[in-house]
């Protein structure tokens, strides 16, 4: 029993680029948000609410950065898969040529 298998390397390239761009976009915006929160914290806002907000932001930011890192890891995995598929295609072509 044989099953046909194919990979669209151009589409895989696009996935790599989109994931990489998304990770960069998210990271850039997280940095911007952190800068704004730091400005808010430096404005003299001191209260139980300010402390609660700061803690909530730290937790949220950690989760958001973990998300961005996960996107980056998916991009890296797709890039490695592309390289492996390309190598497999090259090897198969050489074997078929004799």
C-alpha atoms as a PDB file:
ATOM      1  CA  UNK A   1       0.000   0.000   0.000  1.00  0.00           C
ATOM      2  CA  UNK A   2       1.410   3.353  -0.973  1.00  0.00           C
ATOM      3  CA  UNK A   3       0.270   6.798  -0.030  1.00  0.00           C
ATOM      4  CA  UNK A   4       1.199   9.908  -1.883  1.00  0.00           C
ATOM      5  CA  UNK A   5       2.847  12.616   0.153  1.00  0.00           C
ATOM      6  CA  UNK A   6       3.847  16.076  -0.952  1.00  0.00           C
ATOM      7  CA  UNK A   7       5.021  19.316   0.575  1.00  0.00           C
ATOM      8  CA  UNK A   8       4.609  22.739  -0.996  1.00  0.00           C
ATOM      9  CA  UNK A   9       7.973  24.305  -0.151  1.00  0.00           C
ATOM     10  CA  UNK A  10       6.867  27.770  -1.261  1.00  0.00           C
ATOM     11  CA  UNK A  11       3.883  27.618   1.067  1.00  0.00           C
ATOM     12  CA  UNK A  12       6.108  26.333   3.862  1.00  0.00           C
ATOM     13  CA  UNK A  13       8.433  29.297   3.239  1.00  0.00           C
ATOM     14  CA  UNK A  14       5.445  31.605   3.599  1.00  0.00           C
ATOM     15  CA  UNK A  15       4.455  29.954   6.874  1.00  0.00           C
ATOM     16  CA  UNK A  16       7.997  30.451   8.196  1.00  0.00           C
ATOM     17  CA  UNK A  17       7.967  34.126   7.212  1.00  0.00           C
ATOM     18  CA  UNK A  18       4.490  34.786   8.603  1.00  0.00           C
ATOM     19  CA  UNK A  19       5.250  33.132  11.923  1.00  0.00           C
ATOM     20  CA  UNK A  20       8.544  34.974  12.228  1.00  0.00           C
ATOM     21  CA  UNK A  21       6.862  38.287  11.415  1.00  0.00           C
ATOM     22  CA  UNK A  22       4.071  37.602  13.896  1.00  0.00           C
ATOM     23  CA  UNK A  23       6.563  36.808  16.661  1.00  0.00           C
ATOM     24  CA  UNK A  24       8.421  40.048  15.942  1.00  0.00           C
ATOM     25  CA  UNK A  25       5.176  42.037  15.838  1.00  0.00           C
ATOM     26  CA  UNK A  26       3.986  40.629  19.164  1.00  0.00           C
ATOM     27  CA  UNK A  27       7.373  41.165  20.826  1.00  0.00           C
ATOM     28  CA  UNK A  28       7.626  44.748  19.562  1.00  0.00           C
ATOM     29  CA  UNK A  29       4.170  45.565  20.859  1.00  0.00           C
ATOM     30  CA  UNK A  30       4.858  43.909  24.191  1.00  0.00           C
ATOM     31  CA  UNK A  31       7.953  46.082  24.552  1.00  0.00           C
ATOM     32  CA  UNK A  32       5.852  49.157  23.764  1.00  0.00           C
ATOM     33  CA  UNK A  33       3.206  48.144  26.294  1.00  0.00           C
ATOM     34  CA  UNK A  34       5.877  47.524  28.939  1.00  0.00           C
ATOM     35  CA  UNK A  35       7.312  50.997  28.289  1.00  0.00           C
ATOM     36  CA  UNK A  36       3.879  52.576  28.728  1.00  0.00           C
ATOM     37  CA  UNK A  37       3.231  50.634  31.910  1.00  0.00           C
ATOM     38  CA  UNK A  38       6.630  51.708  33.257  1.00  0.00           C
ATOM     39  CA  UNK A  39       5.703  55.331  32.513  1.00  0.00           C
ATOM     40  CA  UNK A  40       2.424  54.842  34.346  1.00  0.00           C
ATOM     41  CA  UNK A  41       4.215  53.299  37.316  1.00  0.00           C
ATOM     42  CA  UNK A  42       6.708  56.178  37.343  1.00  0.00           C
ATOM     43  CA  UNK A  43       3.952  58.779  37.370  1.00  0.00           C
ATOM     44  CA  UNK A  44       3.490  58.568  41.106  1.00  0.00           C
ATOM     45  CA  UNK A  45       0.562  56.169  41.076  1.00  0.00           C
ATOM     46  CA  UNK A  46       0.966  54.390  44.396  1.00  0.00           C
ATOM     47  CA  UNK A  47      -1.862  52.447  45.945  1.00  0.00           C
ATOM     48  CA  UNK A  48      -3.161  48.949  46.448  1.00  0.00           C
ATOM     49  CA  UNK A  49      -4.722  49.222  42.981  1.00  0.00           C
ATOM     50  CA  UNK A  50      -1.366  50.241  41.471  1.00  0.00           C
ATOM     51  CA  UNK A  51       0.329  47.256  43.091  1.00  0.00           C
ATOM     52  CA  UNK A  52      -2.418  44.897  41.921  1.00  0.00           C
ATOM     53  CA  UNK A  53      -2.186  46.306  38.398  1.00  0.00           C
ATOM     54  CA  UNK A  54       1.597  45.938  38.346  1.00  0.00           C
ATOM     55  CA  UNK A  55       1.365  42.308  39.467  1.00  0.00           C
ATOM     56  CA  UNK A  56      -1.391  41.523  36.966  1.00  0.00           C
ATOM     57  CA  UNK A  57       0.643  43.142  34.199  1.00  0.00           C
ATOM     58  CA  UNK A  58       3.743  41.128  35.125  1.00  0.00           C
ATOM     59  CA  UNK A  59       1.757  37.903  34.942  1.00  0.00           C
ATOM     60  CA  UNK A  60       0.062  38.879  31.687  1.00  0.00           C
ATOM     61  CA  UNK A  61       3.347  40.013  30.115  1.00  0.00           C
ATOM     62  CA  UNK A  62       5.051  36.751  31.079  1.00  0.00           C
ATOM     63  CA  UNK A  63       2.270  34.771  29.401  1.00  0.00           C
ATOM     64  CA  UNK A  64       2.296  37.006  26.331  1.00  0.00           C
ATOM     65  CA  UNK A  65       6.073  36.657  25.973  1.00  0.00           C
ATOM     66  CA  UNK A  66       5.741  32.890  26.334  1.00  0.00           C
ATOM     67  CA  UNK A  67       3.177  33.006  23.511  1.00  0.00           C
ATOM     68  CA  UNK A  68       5.574  35.022  21.323  1.00  0.00           C
ATOM     69  CA  UNK A  69       8.386  32.572  22.058  1.00  0.00           C
ATOM     70  CA  UNK A  70       6.089  29.686  21.104  1.00  0.00           C
ATOM     71  CA  UNK A  71       5.390  31.374  17.772  1.00  0.00           C
ATOM     72  CA  UNK A  72       9.126  31.825  17.223  1.00  0.00           C
ATOM     73  CA  UNK A  73       9.712  28.145  18.024  1.00  0.00           C
ATOM     74  CA  UNK A  74       7.019  27.129  15.513  1.00  0.00           C
ATOM     75  CA  UNK A  75       8.718  29.289  12.887  1.00  0.00           C
ATOM     76  CA  UNK A  76      12.071  27.662  13.658  1.00  0.00           C
ATOM     77  CA  UNK A  77      10.524  24.182  13.448  1.00  0.00           C
ATOM     78  CA  UNK A  78       8.916  24.990  10.095  1.00  0.00           C
ATOM     79  CA  UNK A  79      12.241  26.350   8.833  1.00  0.00           C
ATOM     80  CA  UNK A  80      14.012  23.137   9.866  1.00  0.00           C
ATOM     81  CA  UNK A  81      11.274  21.066   8.231  1.00  0.00           C
ATOM     82  CA  UNK A  82      11.741  23.044   5.016  1.00  0.00           C
ATOM     83  CA  UNK A  83      15.473  22.311   5.043  1.00  0.00           C
ATOM     84  CA  UNK A  84      14.845  18.607   5.653  1.00  0.00           C
ATOM     85  CA  UNK A  85      12.223  18.336   2.913  1.00  0.00           C
ATOM     86  CA  UNK A  86      14.540  20.155   0.503  1.00  0.00           C
ATOM     87  CA  UNK A  87      17.359  17.761   1.356  1.00  0.00           C
ATOM     88  CA  UNK A  88      15.072  14.747   0.940  1.00  0.00           C
ATOM     89  CA  UNK A  89      13.968  15.993  -2.480  1.00  0.00           C
ATOM     90  CA  UNK A  90      17.574  16.480  -3.540  1.00  0.00           C
ATOM     91  CA  UNK A  91      18.584  13.024  -2.319  1.00  0.00           C
ATOM     92  CA  UNK A  92      15.612  11.378  -4.010  1.00  0.00           C
ATOM     93  CA  UNK A  93      16.408  13.141  -7.278  1.00  0.00           C
ATOM     94  CA  UNK A  94      20.031  11.961  -7.116  1.00  0.00           C
ATOM     95  CA  UNK A  95      19.004   8.376  -6.352  1.00  0.00           C
ATOM     96  CA  UNK A  96      16.569   8.338  -9.261  1.00  0.00           C
ATOM     97  CA  UNK A  97      19.233   9.652 -11.623  1.00  0.00           C
ATOM     98  CA  UNK A  98      21.456   6.753 -10.741  1.00  0.00           C
END
